[in-house]
Protein backbone atom coordinates (compact mmCIF):
# COMPACT_ATOMS: atom_id res chain seq x y z
CA MET A 1 110.72 94.17 110.30
CA LEU A 2 110.16 96.72 107.97
CA LEU A 3 106.97 98.07 106.53
CA LYS A 4 108.31 100.46 103.58
CA VAL A 5 105.17 102.46 101.77
CA PHE A 6 105.88 102.90 98.52
CA VAL A 7 103.78 106.88 96.74
CA LYS A 8 104.10 109.27 94.22
CA GLU A 9 102.91 112.22 94.85
CA ASP A 10 100.32 112.38 91.72
CA CYS A 11 98.85 109.56 93.07
CA PRO A 12 95.59 109.98 94.81
CA ASN A 13 95.07 107.69 97.18
CA CYS A 14 98.96 108.37 98.84
CA PRO A 15 97.70 110.49 101.70
CA ALA A 16 95.43 107.59 103.15
CA ALA A 17 98.65 104.43 102.73
CA LYS A 18 100.20 107.80 104.79
CA GLU A 19 97.41 107.55 107.52
CA VAL A 20 98.07 103.96 107.87
CA ALA A 21 101.99 103.80 107.83
CA ASN A 22 101.89 106.80 110.45
CA GLN A 23 99.97 104.09 112.77
CA PHE A 24 103.48 101.88 112.83
CA GLY A 25 106.43 102.63 114.04
CA PHE A 26 108.29 100.65 111.71
CA SER A 27 107.72 102.11 108.04
CA ARG A 28 110.01 104.11 106.01
CA LEU A 29 108.21 105.68 102.52
CA PHE A 30 109.69 105.44 99.00
CA ASN A 31 108.65 107.93 96.67
CA MET A 32 108.69 106.27 93.35
CA ASP A 33 109.78 110.00 92.27
CA ASP A 34 112.72 109.88 92.85
CA ALA A 35 115.60 107.10 91.69
CA GLU A 36 115.38 105.72 95.68
CA GLY A 37 112.24 105.06 95.66
CA LEU A 38 112.17 103.78 91.42
CA ALA A 39 115.38 101.33 91.99
CA GLU A 40 113.58 99.64 95.81
CA ALA A 41 110.35 99.58 93.91
CA ALA A 42 111.78 98.11 91.59
CA PHE A 43 113.66 94.91 93.68
CA HIS A 44 110.20 93.94 94.68
CA SER A 45 108.29 94.79 91.41
CA VAL A 46 105.93 97.03 92.53
CA LEU A 47 104.01 98.80 89.49
CA CYS A 48 101.57 101.35 91.26
CA THR A 49 101.04 103.47 94.18
CA PRO A 50 100.22 103.13 96.60
CA SER A 51 101.58 100.58 97.78
CA MET A 52 103.14 98.26 100.71
CA VAL A 53 105.42 95.41 101.74
CA LEU A 54 106.40 94.30 104.70
CA VAL A 55 109.45 92.59 105.13
CA ASP A 56 111.48 91.08 107.91
CA ASP A 57 114.68 92.16 109.00
CA THR A 58 116.65 89.97 106.07
CA GLU A 59 114.29 91.52 103.44
CA ASN A 60 112.50 88.56 103.19
CA VAL A 61 108.77 89.88 101.69
CA ILE A 62 106.39 88.93 104.61
CA HIS A 63 103.50 89.95 102.98
CA SER A 64 102.19 93.32 100.11
CA TRP A 65 99.52 95.31 99.55
CA ARG A 66 99.82 96.70 95.99
CA CYS A 67 97.27 99.38 94.49
CA HIS A 68 95.30 99.67 97.97
CA VAL A 69 94.82 100.58 101.51
CA PRO A 70 95.27 98.50 103.32
CA ARG A 71 93.63 98.88 106.98
CA PRO A 72 95.60 98.72 110.18
CA THR A 73 94.43 95.37 111.39
CA GLU A 74 95.23 93.28 108.22
CA ILE A 75 99.05 94.95 108.57
CA ALA A 76 99.21 94.12 112.25
CA ASN A 77 97.85 90.49 111.72
CA TYR A 78 101.26 89.60 109.74
CA ALA A 79 103.78 91.73 111.83
CA ALA A 80 102.32 89.97 115.23
């Protein structure tokens, strides 16, 4: 399982998203200001930051949160 966290440097809500993501040992940040982050965002059709996409081990999307920061309990409910 992996929590993909999409951020940008100039995003005012992205620091909060990073803080939430740091509470989970299975998260990875993708900076949409660089090519790798933008490519991963395009793969998941992420158009805004912050966004998070929870995927299983075969990259199937379990749940996603677009354009806002979810509460840690919301993520935990889907990651259980």
